């Protein structure tokens, strides 16, 4: 019989290695390496519309259908979502790269100015929906959880619109088309 050596089965020692401090700047750098689908979150009516480009939109549950999005509390979008209690997740394609830039704040456009140059409609909640989105999920706010700099918004999906094309991805500070 072989001899039993306890060290062969011992848990490895975990030694903390700090390459970089766990701060906001380094967290952003790390998360930029993670590719994500690009969506434009829209809310409001008329001149009270606003919206934001995000990679944080995801399904919370498919049964029942619920979406989750994280919005910065200091953004112009969160107060509009909170006021109207609705939002749409507009999944966008490569043809919408300029739109993604506008809703991300490039060019300094704010609120309803970001909607110019695209066709919009409404579904069940009244939130603006991009006519030629790859997909659109129309939601009413079910719950909003404020934590630190952001609000986690859970939306009950009221309507779904499927378009054509492939979604746009964002990674390392650049947009990428998926064919």
C-alpha atoms as a PDB file:
ATOM      1  CA  UNK A   1       0.000   0.000   0.000  1.00  0.00           C
ATOM      2  CA  UNK A   2       1.067   3.516  -0.747  1.00  0.00           C
ATOM      3  CA  UNK A   3       1.687   5.910   2.039  1.00  0.00           C
ATOM      4  CA  UNK A   4      -0.782   8.728   2.600  1.00  0.00           C
ATOM      5  CA  UNK A   5       0.706  12.183   2.374  1.00  0.00           C
ATOM      6  CA  UNK A   6      -1.656  14.766   3.823  1.00  0.00           C
ATOM      7  CA  UNK A   7      -0.122  17.626   1.884  1.00  0.00           C
ATOM      8  CA  UNK A   8      -1.314  16.104  -1.417  1.00  0.00           C
ATOM      9  CA  UNK A   9      -4.907  16.759  -0.371  1.00  0.00           C
ATOM     10  CA  UNK A  10      -4.496  20.026   1.460  1.00  0.00           C
ATOM     11  CA  UNK A  11      -6.224  23.113   0.152  1.00  0.00           C
ATOM     12  CA  UNK A  12      -3.847  25.407  -1.693  1.00  0.00           C
ATOM     13  CA  UNK A  13      -2.985  28.544   0.134  1.00  0.00           C
ATOM     14  CA  UNK A  14      -4.557  31.619  -1.386  1.00  0.00           C
ATOM     15  CA  UNK A  15      -2.216  34.520  -1.433  1.00  0.00           C
ATOM     16  CA  UNK A  16      -3.741  37.859  -2.352  1.00  0.00           C
ATOM     17  CA  UNK A  17      -2.058  39.443  -5.323  1.00  0.00           C
ATOM     18  CA  UNK A  18      -2.835  43.070  -5.903  1.00  0.00           C
ATOM     19  CA  UNK A  19      -1.921  44.026  -9.425  1.00  0.00           C
ATOM     20  CA  UNK A  20      -4.181  47.073  -9.235  1.00  0.00           C
ATOM     21  CA  UNK A  21      -6.312  48.645  -6.544  1.00  0.00           C
ATOM     22  CA  UNK A  22     -10.000  47.673  -6.536  1.00  0.00           C
ATOM     23  CA  UNK A  23     -11.224  51.180  -7.360  1.00  0.00           C
ATOM     24  CA  UNK A  24     -13.682  52.692  -9.854  1.00  0.00           C
ATOM     25  CA  UNK A  25     -11.050  53.408 -12.503  1.00  0.00           C
ATOM     26  CA  UNK A  26      -9.683  49.874 -12.556  1.00  0.00           C
ATOM     27  CA  UNK A  27     -13.140  48.333 -12.386  1.00  0.00           C
ATOM     28  CA  UNK A  28     -14.088  50.299 -15.525  1.00  0.00           C
ATOM     29  CA  UNK A  29     -10.907  49.104 -17.263  1.00  0.00           C
ATOM     30  CA  UNK A  30     -11.649  45.494 -16.366  1.00  0.00           C
ATOM     31  CA  UNK A  31     -15.297  45.682 -17.428  1.00  0.00           C
ATOM     32  CA  UNK A  32     -14.409  47.283 -20.767  1.00  0.00           C
ATOM     33  CA  UNK A  33     -12.739  43.984 -21.717  1.00  0.00           C
ATOM     34  CA  UNK A  34     -16.111  42.241 -21.420  1.00  0.00           C
ATOM     35  CA  UNK A  35     -18.011  42.508 -24.688  1.00  0.00           C
ATOM     36  CA  UNK A  36     -21.676  43.388 -24.304  1.00  0.00           C
ATOM     37  CA  UNK A  37     -24.726  43.840 -26.453  1.00  0.00           C
ATOM     38  CA  UNK A  38     -25.641  47.469 -27.065  1.00  0.00           C
ATOM     39  CA  UNK A  39     -29.137  48.704 -26.288  1.00  0.00           C
ATOM     40  CA  UNK A  40     -30.680  52.133 -26.182  1.00  0.00           C
ATOM     41  CA  UNK A  41     -32.958  52.592 -23.187  1.00  0.00           C
ATOM     42  CA  UNK A  42     -35.736  55.068 -23.944  1.00  0.00           C
ATOM     43  CA  UNK A  43     -38.443  56.647 -21.797  1.00  0.00           C
ATOM     44  CA  UNK A  44     -40.805  59.606 -21.619  1.00  0.00           C
ATOM     45  CA  UNK A  45     -43.061  61.479 -24.003  1.00  0.00           C
ATOM     46  CA  UNK A  46     -42.626  64.441 -26.344  1.00  0.00           C
ATOM     47  CA  UNK A  47     -40.063  66.934 -25.127  1.00  0.00           C
ATOM     48  CA  UNK A  48     -39.804  64.992 -21.858  1.00  0.00           C
ATOM     49  CA  UNK A  49     -38.123  62.028 -23.585  1.00  0.00           C
ATOM     50  CA  UNK A  50     -34.666  60.888 -22.645  1.00  0.00           C
ATOM     51  CA  UNK A  51     -32.556  57.809 -23.116  1.00  0.00           C
ATOM     52  CA  UNK A  52     -29.169  56.213 -22.710  1.00  0.00           C
ATOM     53  CA  UNK A  53     -26.911  53.740 -24.476  1.00  0.00           C
ATOM     54  CA  UNK A  54     -26.162  50.762 -22.228  1.00  0.00           C
ATOM     55  CA  UNK A  55     -24.577  47.342 -22.210  1.00  0.00           C
ATOM     56  CA  UNK A  56     -26.288  46.507 -18.920  1.00  0.00           C
ATOM     57  CA  UNK A  57     -29.701  45.438 -20.275  1.00  0.00           C
ATOM     58  CA  UNK A  58     -30.352  41.755 -19.684  1.00  0.00           C
ATOM     59  CA  UNK A  59     -33.144  39.324 -18.994  1.00  0.00           C
ATOM     60  CA  UNK A  60     -33.872  38.860 -15.313  1.00  0.00           C
ATOM     61  CA  UNK A  61     -36.464  36.161 -15.991  1.00  0.00           C
ATOM     62  CA  UNK A  62     -38.135  34.690 -19.056  1.00  0.00           C
ATOM     63  CA  UNK A  63     -41.097  33.301 -17.101  1.00  0.00           C
ATOM     64  CA  UNK A  64     -42.455  35.707 -16.084  1.00  0.00           C
ATOM     65  CA  UNK A  65     -40.829  37.989 -18.675  1.00  0.00           C
ATOM     66  CA  UNK A  66     -38.724  40.572 -16.831  1.00  0.00           C
ATOM     67  CA  UNK A  67     -35.834  42.773 -17.940  1.00  0.00           C
ATOM     68  CA  UNK A  68     -33.133  44.353 -15.830  1.00  0.00           C
ATOM     69  CA  UNK A  69     -31.156  47.477 -16.620  1.00  0.00           C
ATOM     70  CA  UNK A  70     -28.722  49.509 -14.557  1.00  0.00           C
ATOM     71  CA  UNK A  71     -28.917  53.299 -14.924  1.00  0.00           C
ATOM     72  CA  UNK A  72     -26.704  55.945 -13.393  1.00  0.00           C
ATOM     73  CA  UNK A  73     -28.671  57.901 -10.797  1.00  0.00           C
ATOM     74  CA  UNK A  74     -27.138  61.165 -12.029  1.00  0.00           C
ATOM     75  CA  UNK A  75     -28.094  60.526 -15.669  1.00  0.00           C
ATOM     76  CA  UNK A  76     -30.876  62.414 -17.408  1.00  0.00           C
ATOM     77  CA  UNK A  77     -32.565  59.075 -18.141  1.00  0.00           C
ATOM     78  CA  UNK A  78     -33.270  57.771 -14.639  1.00  0.00           C
ATOM     79  CA  UNK A  79     -35.593  60.653 -13.581  1.00  0.00           C
ATOM     80  CA  UNK A  80     -37.644  60.166 -16.775  1.00  0.00           C
ATOM     81  CA  UNK A  81     -37.939  56.396 -16.226  1.00  0.00           C
ATOM     82  CA  UNK A  82     -38.923  57.085 -12.626  1.00  0.00           C
ATOM     83  CA  UNK A  83     -41.524  59.701 -13.598  1.00  0.00           C
ATOM     84  CA  UNK A  84     -43.180  57.781 -16.453  1.00  0.00           C
ATOM     85  CA  UNK A  85     -42.687  54.319 -14.899  1.00  0.00           C
ATOM     86  CA  UNK A  86     -41.853  52.821 -18.291  1.00  0.00           C
ATOM     87  CA  UNK A  87     -38.869  52.152 -20.535  1.00  0.00           C
ATOM     88  CA  UNK A  88     -38.012  50.334 -23.742  1.00  0.00           C
ATOM     89  CA  UNK A  89     -34.922  48.258 -24.356  1.00  0.00           C
ATOM     90  CA  UNK A  90     -34.048  48.871 -28.006  1.00  0.00           C
ATOM     91  CA  UNK A  91     -31.504  46.273 -29.152  1.00  0.00           C
ATOM     92  CA  UNK A  92     -29.572  47.992 -31.918  1.00  0.00           C
ATOM     93  CA  UNK A  93     -27.547  46.839 -34.907  1.00  0.00           C
ATOM     94  CA  UNK A  94     -24.448  48.081 -36.711  1.00  0.00           C
ATOM     95  CA  UNK A  95     -26.547  50.561 -38.730  1.00  0.00           C
ATOM     96  CA  UNK A  96     -27.326  52.328 -35.430  1.00  0.00           C
ATOM     97  CA  UNK A  97     -23.777  53.151 -34.360  1.00  0.00           C
ATOM     98  CA  UNK A  98     -24.342  56.919 -34.716  1.00  0.00           C
ATOM     99  CA  UNK A  99     -27.568  56.599 -32.715  1.00  0.00           C
ATOM    100  CA  UNK A 100     -25.674  54.724 -29.993  1.00  0.00           C
ATOM    101  CA  UNK A 101     -23.184  57.586 -29.874  1.00  0.00           C
ATOM    102  CA  UNK A 102     -25.918  60.207 -29.556  1.00  0.00           C
ATOM    103  CA  UNK A 103     -27.631  58.343 -26.712  1.00  0.00           C
ATOM    104  CA  UNK A 104     -24.232  57.878 -25.053  1.00  0.00           C
ATOM    105  CA  UNK A 105     -23.896  61.668 -24.956  1.00  0.00           C
ATOM    106  CA  UNK A 106     -21.488  62.188 -27.849  1.00  0.00           C
ATOM    107  CA  UNK A 107     -22.023  65.571 -29.447  1.00  0.00           C
ATOM    108  CA  UNK A 108     -23.556  66.961 -26.271  1.00  0.00           C
ATOM    109  CA  UNK A 109     -27.152  66.230 -27.220  1.00  0.00           C
ATOM    110  CA  UNK A 110     -29.596  65.817 -24.345  1.00  0.00           C
ATOM    111  CA  UNK A 111     -33.140  64.570 -23.826  1.00  0.00           C
ATOM    112  CA  UNK A 112     -35.432  64.618 -26.839  1.00  0.00           C
ATOM    113  CA  UNK A 113     -32.640  65.983 -29.097  1.00  0.00           C
ATOM    114  CA  UNK A 114     -31.120  62.474 -29.087  1.00  0.00           C
ATOM    115  CA  UNK A 115     -34.182  61.122 -30.926  1.00  0.00           C
ATOM    116  CA  UNK A 116     -33.618  63.169 -34.090  1.00  0.00           C
ATOM    117  CA  UNK A 117     -32.696  61.328 -37.265  1.00  0.00           C
ATOM    118  CA  UNK A 118     -34.503  58.067 -36.434  1.00  0.00           C
ATOM    119  CA  UNK A 119     -38.076  56.791 -36.671  1.00  0.00           C
ATOM    120  CA  UNK A 120     -39.868  56.057 -33.412  1.00  0.00           C
ATOM    121  CA  UNK A 121     -43.137  54.423 -32.435  1.00  0.00           C
ATOM    122  CA  UNK A 122     -44.792  53.309 -29.193  1.00  0.00           C
ATOM    123  CA  UNK A 123     -46.060  49.969 -27.968  1.00  0.00           C
ATOM    124  CA  UNK A 124     -48.069  49.141 -24.827  1.00  0.00           C
ATOM    125  CA  UNK A 125     -46.292  51.248 -22.176  1.00  0.00           C
ATOM    126  CA  UNK A 126     -45.926  54.407 -24.240  1.00  0.00           C
ATOM    127  CA  UNK A 127     -42.115  54.356 -24.121  1.00  0.00           C
ATOM    128  CA  UNK A 128     -40.435  55.323 -27.419  1.00  0.00           C
ATOM    129  CA  UNK A 129     -39.461  52.296 -29.534  1.00  0.00           C
ATOM    130  CA  UNK A 130     -36.976  52.485 -32.409  1.00  0.00           C
ATOM    131  CA  UNK A 131     -38.818  51.468 -35.612  1.00  0.00           C
ATOM    132  CA  UNK A 132     -35.920  49.479 -37.086  1.00  0.00           C
ATOM    133  CA  UNK A 133     -34.426  48.058 -33.894  1.00  0.00           C
ATOM    134  CA  UNK A 134     -33.120  44.504 -34.063  1.00  0.00           C
ATOM    135  CA  UNK A 135     -35.518  43.870 -31.179  1.00  0.00           C
ATOM    136  CA  UNK A 136     -37.450  46.029 -28.744  1.00  0.00           C
ATOM    137  CA  UNK A 137     -38.766  45.110 -25.312  1.00  0.00           C
ATOM    138  CA  UNK A 138     -41.411  47.457 -23.970  1.00  0.00           C
ATOM    139  CA  UNK A 139     -41.502  47.492 -20.166  1.00  0.00           C
ATOM    140  CA  UNK A 140     -43.267  49.036 -17.214  1.00  0.00           C
ATOM    141  CA  UNK A 141     -41.204  49.571 -14.093  1.00  0.00           C
ATOM    142  CA  UNK A 142     -41.893  46.826 -11.590  1.00  0.00           C
ATOM    143  CA  UNK A 143     -39.190  47.770  -9.102  1.00  0.00           C
ATOM    144  CA  UNK A 144     -36.261  50.153  -8.792  1.00  0.00           C
ATOM    145  CA  UNK A 145     -33.419  49.427  -6.394  1.00  0.00           C
ATOM    146  CA  UNK A 146     -31.095  52.331  -5.681  1.00  0.00           C
ATOM    147  CA  UNK A 147     -27.560  51.279  -4.819  1.00  0.00           C
ATOM    148  CA  UNK A 148     -24.545  53.524  -4.737  1.00  0.00           C
ATOM    149  CA  UNK A 149     -24.216  55.438  -8.042  1.00  0.00           C
ATOM    150  CA  UNK A 150     -26.835  53.414  -9.946  1.00  0.00           C
ATOM    151  CA  UNK A 151     -30.423  52.239  -9.964  1.00  0.00           C
ATOM    152  CA  UNK A 152     -31.238  48.650 -10.856  1.00  0.00           C
ATOM    153  CA  UNK A 153     -34.510  48.873 -12.764  1.00  0.00           C
ATOM    154  CA  UNK A 154     -36.630  45.751 -13.132  1.00  0.00           C
ATOM    155  CA  UNK A 155     -39.169  45.950 -15.922  1.00  0.00           C
ATOM    156  CA  UNK A 156     -42.241  43.845 -16.581  1.00  0.00           C
ATOM    157  CA  UNK A 157     -42.186  43.134 -20.327  1.00  0.00           C
ATOM    158  CA  UNK A 158     -45.509  44.240 -21.826  1.00  0.00           C
ATOM    159  CA  UNK A 159     -44.720  43.894 -25.528  1.00  0.00           C
ATOM    160  CA  UNK A 160     -41.943  42.563 -27.760  1.00  0.00           C
ATOM    161  CA  UNK A 161     -41.129  43.654 -31.274  1.00  0.00           C
ATOM    162  CA  UNK A 162     -38.689  41.632 -33.387  1.00  0.00           C
ATOM    163  CA  UNK A 163     -36.894  43.315 -36.266  1.00  0.00           C
ATOM    164  CA  UNK A 164     -34.084  42.198 -38.522  1.00  0.00           C
ATOM    165  CA  UNK A 165     -30.334  42.077 -38.380  1.00  0.00           C
ATOM    166  CA  UNK A 166     -27.701  41.316 -35.786  1.00  0.00           C
ATOM    167  CA  UNK A 167     -26.998  43.199 -32.617  1.00  0.00           C
ATOM    168  CA  UNK A 168     -24.150  45.623 -32.092  1.00  0.00           C
ATOM    169  CA  UNK A 169     -21.500  44.778 -29.487  1.00  0.00           C
ATOM    170  CA  UNK A 170     -19.257  47.055 -27.443  1.00  0.00           C
ATOM    171  CA  UNK A 171     -15.826  46.080 -26.144  1.00  0.00           C
ATOM    172  CA  UNK A 172     -12.635  47.931 -25.283  1.00  0.00           C
ATOM    173  CA  UNK A 173     -14.117  51.301 -26.166  1.00  0.00           C
ATOM    174  CA  UNK A 174     -15.263  50.289 -29.667  1.00  0.00           C
ATOM    175  CA  UNK A 175     -18.397  49.056 -31.363  1.00  0.00           C
ATOM    176  CA  UNK A 176     -18.266  45.708 -33.187  1.00  0.00           C
ATOM    177  CA  UNK A 177     -20.758  44.416 -35.736  1.00  0.00           C
ATOM    178  CA  UNK A 178     -21.846  40.809 -35.526  1.00  0.00           C
ATOM    179  CA  UNK A 179     -22.539  39.211 -38.900  1.00  0.00           C
END
